[in-house]
Amino acid sequence: MYKVKITTGKISDGLLAQTPGSKGISKCGKYQFFIDEEVEDPDFWIVRNKYIKSKTSSFVAPQNVILMISEPVSIVSFPKAYLKQFGLICSCQEEIRDIENVVYTPATLP
């Protein structure tokens, strides 16, 4: 089973409720989600918006570190150096340019 660390930086009520029985395991049984908690050697690390305020690290393959941006650029903007540390960026901000690993999506909501 893949371990997925999700960092929200704020109260994450309801995220685990999107899994069967609110147990944090995907319906297919391939993924276990850990919301705002330390996980030893996660397979994926998803960061929502810009909520990591202090230096933190996990042993994750660089291509498996994902940033999900759900706020418009008028609310939050991201320095290029911050964006470059992610293997994939899912963003509703079309203003993000010159970063090749960006996928433009509608805003992601919990």
N, C-alpha and C. Protein backbone atom coordinates (compact mmCIF):
# COMPACT_ATOMS: atom_id res chain seq x y z
N MET A 1 0.85 -1.17 0.00
CA MET A 1 0.00 0.00 0.00
C MET A 1 0.90 1.24 0.00
N TYR A 2 0.58 2.19 -0.87
CA TYR A 2 1.33 3.44 -0.93
C TYR A 2 0.91 4.35 0.21
N LYS A 3 1.91 5.02 0.83
CA LYS A 3 1.63 5.98 1.89
C LYS A 3 1.68 7.39 1.29
N VAL A 4 0.59 8.14 1.50
CA VAL A 4 0.48 9.49 0.95
C VAL A 4 0.38 10.48 2.11
N LYS A 5 1.40 11.32 2.23
CA LYS A 5 1.41 12.37 3.25
C LYS A 5 0.77 13.61 2.63
N ILE A 6 -0.23 14.18 3.30
CA ILE A 6 -0.88 15.39 2.82
C ILE A 6 -0.70 16.48 3.87
N THR A 7 -0.09 17.58 3.47
CA THR A 7 0.12 18.71 4.36
C THR A 7 -0.86 19.81 3.99
N THR A 8 -1.75 20.14 4.92
CA THR A 8 -2.72 21.20 4.66
C THR A 8 -2.39 22.46 5.44
N GLY A 9 -1.75 22.32 6.59
CA GLY A 9 -1.38 23.46 7.38
C GLY A 9 -2.51 24.12 8.13
N LYS A 10 -3.68 23.57 8.02
CA LYS A 10 -4.82 24.10 8.76
C LYS A 10 -5.76 22.95 9.08
N ILE A 11 -6.82 23.24 9.76
CA ILE A 11 -7.76 22.18 10.13
C ILE A 11 -8.22 21.47 8.87
N SER A 12 -8.07 20.17 8.86
CA SER A 12 -8.37 19.38 7.66
C SER A 12 -9.63 18.55 7.84
N ASP A 13 -10.60 19.11 8.54
CA ASP A 13 -11.86 18.39 8.74
C ASP A 13 -12.42 17.92 7.41
N GLY A 14 -12.81 16.68 7.38
CA GLY A 14 -13.51 16.17 6.21
C GLY A 14 -12.66 15.48 5.17
N LEU A 15 -11.36 15.67 5.19
CA LEU A 15 -10.56 15.03 4.14
C LEU A 15 -10.62 13.51 4.25
N LEU A 16 -10.43 12.98 5.43
CA LEU A 16 -10.49 11.52 5.58
C LEU A 16 -11.91 11.00 5.40
N ALA A 17 -12.90 11.86 5.59
CA ALA A 17 -14.30 11.44 5.39
C ALA A 17 -14.57 11.10 3.93
N GLN A 18 -13.66 11.49 3.04
CA GLN A 18 -13.83 11.17 1.63
C GLN A 18 -13.33 9.76 1.31
N THR A 19 -12.85 9.06 2.31
CA THR A 19 -12.43 7.67 2.13
C THR A 19 -13.44 6.75 2.82
N PRO A 20 -13.55 5.50 2.37
CA PRO A 20 -14.52 4.58 2.97
C PRO A 20 -14.32 4.46 4.49
N GLY A 21 -15.41 4.68 5.23
CA GLY A 21 -15.36 4.58 6.68
C GLY A 21 -14.51 5.63 7.35
N SER A 22 -14.11 6.66 6.61
CA SER A 22 -13.23 7.73 7.12
C SER A 22 -11.93 7.18 7.69
N LYS A 23 -11.45 6.06 7.14
CA LYS A 23 -10.26 5.40 7.66
C LYS A 23 -8.96 5.83 6.96
N GLY A 24 -9.08 6.68 5.92
CA GLY A 24 -7.88 7.15 5.25
C GLY A 24 -7.28 6.17 4.26
N ILE A 25 -8.06 5.17 3.86
CA ILE A 25 -7.58 4.20 2.88
C ILE A 25 -8.48 4.31 1.65
N SER A 26 -7.85 4.39 0.48
CA SER A 26 -8.61 4.55 -0.76
C SER A 26 -9.51 3.34 -1.00
N LYS A 27 -10.54 3.57 -1.80
CA LYS A 27 -11.50 2.50 -2.11
C LYS A 27 -10.81 1.30 -2.76
N CYS A 28 -9.81 1.56 -3.60
CA CYS A 28 -9.10 0.47 -4.27
C CYS A 28 -8.12 -0.24 -3.33
N GLY A 29 -7.85 0.38 -2.17
CA GLY A 29 -6.95 -0.23 -1.20
C GLY A 29 -5.47 -0.03 -1.49
N LYS A 30 -5.14 0.78 -2.50
CA LYS A 30 -3.74 0.98 -2.87
C LYS A 30 -3.07 2.13 -2.13
N TYR A 31 -3.87 3.03 -1.53
CA TYR A 31 -3.31 4.24 -0.92
C TYR A 31 -3.82 4.42 0.51
N GLN A 32 -2.90 4.81 1.39
CA GLN A 32 -3.27 5.19 2.75
C GLN A 32 -2.86 6.65 2.93
N PHE A 33 -3.80 7.48 3.37
CA PHE A 33 -3.59 8.91 3.48
C PHE A 33 -3.33 9.31 4.93
N PHE A 34 -2.34 10.18 5.11
CA PHE A 34 -1.98 10.72 6.41
C PHE A 34 -2.10 12.23 6.31
N ILE A 35 -3.04 12.81 7.03
CA ILE A 35 -3.31 14.24 6.94
C ILE A 35 -2.62 14.97 8.08
N ASP A 36 -1.70 15.87 7.73
CA ASP A 36 -1.00 16.71 8.71
C ASP A 36 -0.40 15.92 9.86
N GLU A 37 0.21 14.81 9.54
CA GLU A 37 0.92 14.03 10.56
C GLU A 37 2.21 13.50 9.97
N GLU A 38 3.15 13.22 10.83
CA GLU A 38 4.43 12.69 10.37
C GLU A 38 4.25 11.24 9.92
N VAL A 39 4.91 10.93 8.82
CA VAL A 39 4.84 9.59 8.25
C VAL A 39 6.26 9.16 7.92
N GLU A 40 6.63 7.97 8.31
CA GLU A 40 7.96 7.48 8.00
C GLU A 40 7.99 6.99 6.56
N ASP A 41 8.87 7.57 5.77
CA ASP A 41 9.09 7.20 4.37
C ASP A 41 7.81 7.15 3.54
N PRO A 42 7.10 8.28 3.38
CA PRO A 42 5.91 8.26 2.52
C PRO A 42 6.32 8.07 1.05
N ASP A 43 5.41 7.52 0.27
CA ASP A 43 5.66 7.34 -1.16
C ASP A 43 5.35 8.61 -1.95
N PHE A 44 4.37 9.38 -1.46
CA PHE A 44 3.97 10.64 -2.09
C PHE A 44 3.80 11.68 -0.99
N TRP A 45 4.06 12.94 -1.35
CA TRP A 45 3.82 14.05 -0.42
C TRP A 45 3.07 15.13 -1.19
N ILE A 46 1.86 15.42 -0.75
CA ILE A 46 1.03 16.45 -1.36
C ILE A 46 0.96 17.64 -0.41
N VAL A 47 1.26 18.82 -0.94
CA VAL A 47 1.19 20.05 -0.16
C VAL A 47 0.08 20.90 -0.76
N ARG A 48 -0.86 21.32 0.08
CA ARG A 48 -1.94 22.19 -0.39
C ARG A 48 -1.54 23.64 -0.16
N ASN A 49 -1.51 24.40 -1.24
CA ASN A 49 -1.20 25.82 -1.22
C ASN A 49 0.18 26.10 -0.64
N LYS A 50 0.29 27.07 0.25
CA LYS A 50 1.59 27.53 0.74
C LYS A 50 1.62 27.44 2.26
N TYR A 51 1.19 26.31 2.79
CA TYR A 51 1.01 26.21 4.23
C TYR A 51 2.23 25.74 5.00
N ILE A 52 3.28 25.37 4.34
CA ILE A 52 4.50 25.00 5.07
C ILE A 52 5.26 26.29 5.35
N LYS A 53 5.29 26.67 6.60
CA LYS A 53 5.89 27.95 6.98
C LYS A 53 7.31 27.80 7.50
N SER A 54 7.70 26.60 7.88
CA SER A 54 9.06 26.38 8.37
C SER A 54 9.69 25.24 7.57
N LYS A 55 11.00 25.17 7.65
CA LYS A 55 11.72 24.14 6.90
C LYS A 55 11.31 22.75 7.39
N THR A 56 10.96 21.91 6.47
CA THR A 56 10.55 20.54 6.79
C THR A 56 11.00 19.62 5.67
N SER A 57 11.11 18.35 5.98
CA SER A 57 11.56 17.42 4.94
C SER A 57 10.98 16.04 5.20
N SER A 58 10.96 15.26 4.13
CA SER A 58 10.58 13.85 4.17
C SER A 58 11.37 13.15 3.09
N PHE A 59 11.61 11.87 3.26
CA PHE A 59 12.29 11.10 2.23
C PHE A 59 11.27 10.63 1.22
N VAL A 60 11.15 11.40 0.12
CA VAL A 60 10.19 11.11 -0.94
C VAL A 60 10.90 11.34 -2.26
N ALA A 61 10.64 10.49 -3.24
CA ALA A 61 11.21 10.70 -4.57
C ALA A 61 10.77 12.09 -5.06
N PRO A 62 11.69 12.89 -5.59
CA PRO A 62 11.35 14.26 -6.00
C PRO A 62 10.14 14.35 -6.93
N GLN A 63 9.99 13.41 -7.83
CA GLN A 63 8.86 13.45 -8.76
C GLN A 63 7.53 13.15 -8.07
N ASN A 64 7.57 12.67 -6.83
CA ASN A 64 6.35 12.34 -6.08
C ASN A 64 5.97 13.40 -5.06
N VAL A 65 6.61 14.57 -5.14
CA VAL A 65 6.25 15.69 -4.27
C VAL A 65 5.37 16.62 -5.10
N ILE A 66 4.13 16.81 -4.64
CA ILE A 66 3.10 17.48 -5.44
C ILE A 66 2.57 18.70 -4.70
N LEU A 67 2.46 19.81 -5.43
CA LEU A 67 1.84 21.03 -4.89
C LEU A 67 0.48 21.19 -5.54
N MET A 68 -0.55 21.35 -4.72
CA MET A 68 -1.91 21.59 -5.23
C MET A 68 -2.31 23.00 -4.83
N ILE A 69 -2.47 23.87 -5.82
CA ILE A 69 -2.81 25.27 -5.58
C ILE A 69 -4.30 25.46 -5.83
N SER A 70 -5.01 25.95 -4.81
CA SER A 70 -6.45 26.14 -4.96
C SER A 70 -6.88 27.59 -4.75
N GLU A 71 -5.92 28.48 -4.60
CA GLU A 71 -6.23 29.90 -4.40
C GLU A 71 -5.79 30.68 -5.63
N PRO A 72 -6.55 31.72 -6.01
CA PRO A 72 -6.13 32.55 -7.14
C PRO A 72 -4.90 33.38 -6.77
N VAL A 73 -4.21 33.87 -7.77
CA VAL A 73 -2.99 34.64 -7.55
C VAL A 73 -3.27 35.91 -6.74
N SER A 74 -4.50 36.41 -6.76
CA SER A 74 -4.85 37.59 -5.96
C SER A 74 -4.83 37.27 -4.46
N ILE A 75 -4.93 36.00 -4.09
CA ILE A 75 -4.91 35.58 -2.68
C ILE A 75 -3.51 35.16 -2.26
N VAL A 76 -2.85 34.37 -3.09
CA VAL A 76 -1.51 33.88 -2.75
C VAL A 76 -0.70 33.71 -4.03
N SER A 77 0.56 34.13 -3.96
CA SER A 77 1.46 33.91 -5.10
C SER A 77 2.66 33.11 -4.60
N PHE A 78 3.37 32.53 -5.53
CA PHE A 78 4.44 31.60 -5.18
C PHE A 78 5.74 32.01 -5.86
N PRO A 79 6.81 32.17 -5.09
CA PRO A 79 8.11 32.44 -5.70
C PRO A 79 8.56 31.24 -6.54
N LYS A 80 9.28 31.52 -7.58
CA LYS A 80 9.75 30.45 -8.47
C LYS A 80 10.60 29.42 -7.73
N ALA A 81 11.41 29.87 -6.78
CA ALA A 81 12.25 28.94 -6.01
C ALA A 81 11.39 27.96 -5.21
N TYR A 82 10.26 28.42 -4.70
CA TYR A 82 9.34 27.54 -3.96
C TYR A 82 8.75 26.50 -4.91
N LEU A 83 8.33 26.94 -6.09
CA LEU A 83 7.70 26.04 -7.06
C LEU A 83 8.66 24.98 -7.58
N LYS A 84 9.93 25.32 -7.69
CA LYS A 84 10.91 24.40 -8.28
C LYS A 84 11.18 23.16 -7.43
N GLN A 85 10.75 23.16 -6.18
CA GLN A 85 11.01 21.99 -5.34
C GLN A 85 9.97 20.89 -5.51
N PHE A 86 8.96 21.11 -6.35
CA PHE A 86 7.89 20.13 -6.53
C PHE A 86 8.04 19.40 -7.86
N GLY A 87 7.76 18.10 -7.83
CA GLY A 87 7.82 17.30 -9.04
C GLY A 87 6.63 17.52 -9.94
N LEU A 88 5.51 17.93 -9.36
CA LEU A 88 4.28 18.22 -10.11
C LEU A 88 3.55 19.34 -9.40
N ILE A 89 3.02 20.27 -10.18
CA ILE A 89 2.21 21.36 -9.63
C ILE A 89 0.86 21.33 -10.32
N CYS A 90 -0.20 21.19 -9.55
CA CYS A 90 -1.57 21.27 -10.05
C CYS A 90 -2.08 22.63 -9.63
N SER A 91 -2.36 23.51 -10.60
CA SER A 91 -2.65 24.90 -10.26
C SER A 91 -3.82 25.46 -11.06
N CYS A 92 -4.58 26.33 -10.39
CA CYS A 92 -5.61 27.10 -11.07
C CYS A 92 -5.05 28.46 -11.48
N GLN A 93 -3.79 28.72 -11.18
CA GLN A 93 -3.16 30.00 -11.50
C GLN A 93 -2.46 29.94 -12.86
N GLU A 94 -3.13 30.43 -13.87
CA GLU A 94 -2.53 30.42 -15.21
C GLU A 94 -1.36 31.39 -15.31
N GLU A 95 -1.19 32.23 -14.29
CA GLU A 95 -0.08 33.18 -14.29
C GLU A 95 1.26 32.49 -14.05
N ILE A 96 1.26 31.28 -13.58
CA ILE A 96 2.51 30.55 -13.37
C ILE A 96 3.04 30.13 -14.74
N ARG A 97 4.16 30.68 -15.09
CA ARG A 97 4.77 30.41 -16.40
C ARG A 97 6.20 29.93 -16.19
N ASP A 98 6.79 29.44 -17.23
CA ASP A 98 8.20 29.03 -17.24
C ASP A 98 8.52 27.92 -16.24
N ILE A 99 7.53 27.18 -15.82
CA ILE A 99 7.73 26.00 -14.99
C ILE A 99 7.12 24.85 -15.79
N GLU A 100 7.93 23.88 -16.17
CA GLU A 100 7.45 22.85 -17.10
C GLU A 100 6.58 21.77 -16.47
N ASN A 101 6.55 21.67 -15.17
CA ASN A 101 5.80 20.58 -14.54
C ASN A 101 4.46 21.04 -13.96
N VAL A 102 3.86 22.06 -14.59
CA VAL A 102 2.57 22.59 -14.13
C VAL A 102 1.44 21.99 -14.96
N VAL A 103 0.40 21.56 -14.27
CA VAL A 103 -0.83 21.11 -14.91
C VAL A 103 -1.90 22.09 -14.45
N TYR A 104 -2.54 22.76 -15.40
CA TYR A 104 -3.58 23.73 -15.05
C TYR A 104 -4.90 23.00 -14.84
N THR A 105 -5.49 23.23 -13.67
CA THR A 105 -6.71 22.54 -13.28
C THR A 105 -7.67 23.55 -12.65
N PRO A 106 -8.94 23.20 -12.54
CA PRO A 106 -9.83 24.03 -11.71
C PRO A 106 -9.32 24.00 -10.27
N ALA A 107 -9.72 24.96 -9.48
CA ALA A 107 -9.30 24.99 -8.07
C ALA A 107 -9.69 23.69 -7.38
N THR A 108 -8.75 23.12 -6.64
CA THR A 108 -9.03 21.89 -5.90
C THR A 108 -9.63 22.25 -4.56
N LEU A 109 -10.73 21.65 -4.25
CA LEU A 109 -11.40 21.90 -2.98
C LEU A 109 -11.44 20.62 -2.17
N PRO A 110 -11.37 20.73 -0.84
CA PRO A 110 -11.39 19.50 -0.03
C PRO A 110 -12.71 18.76 -0.13
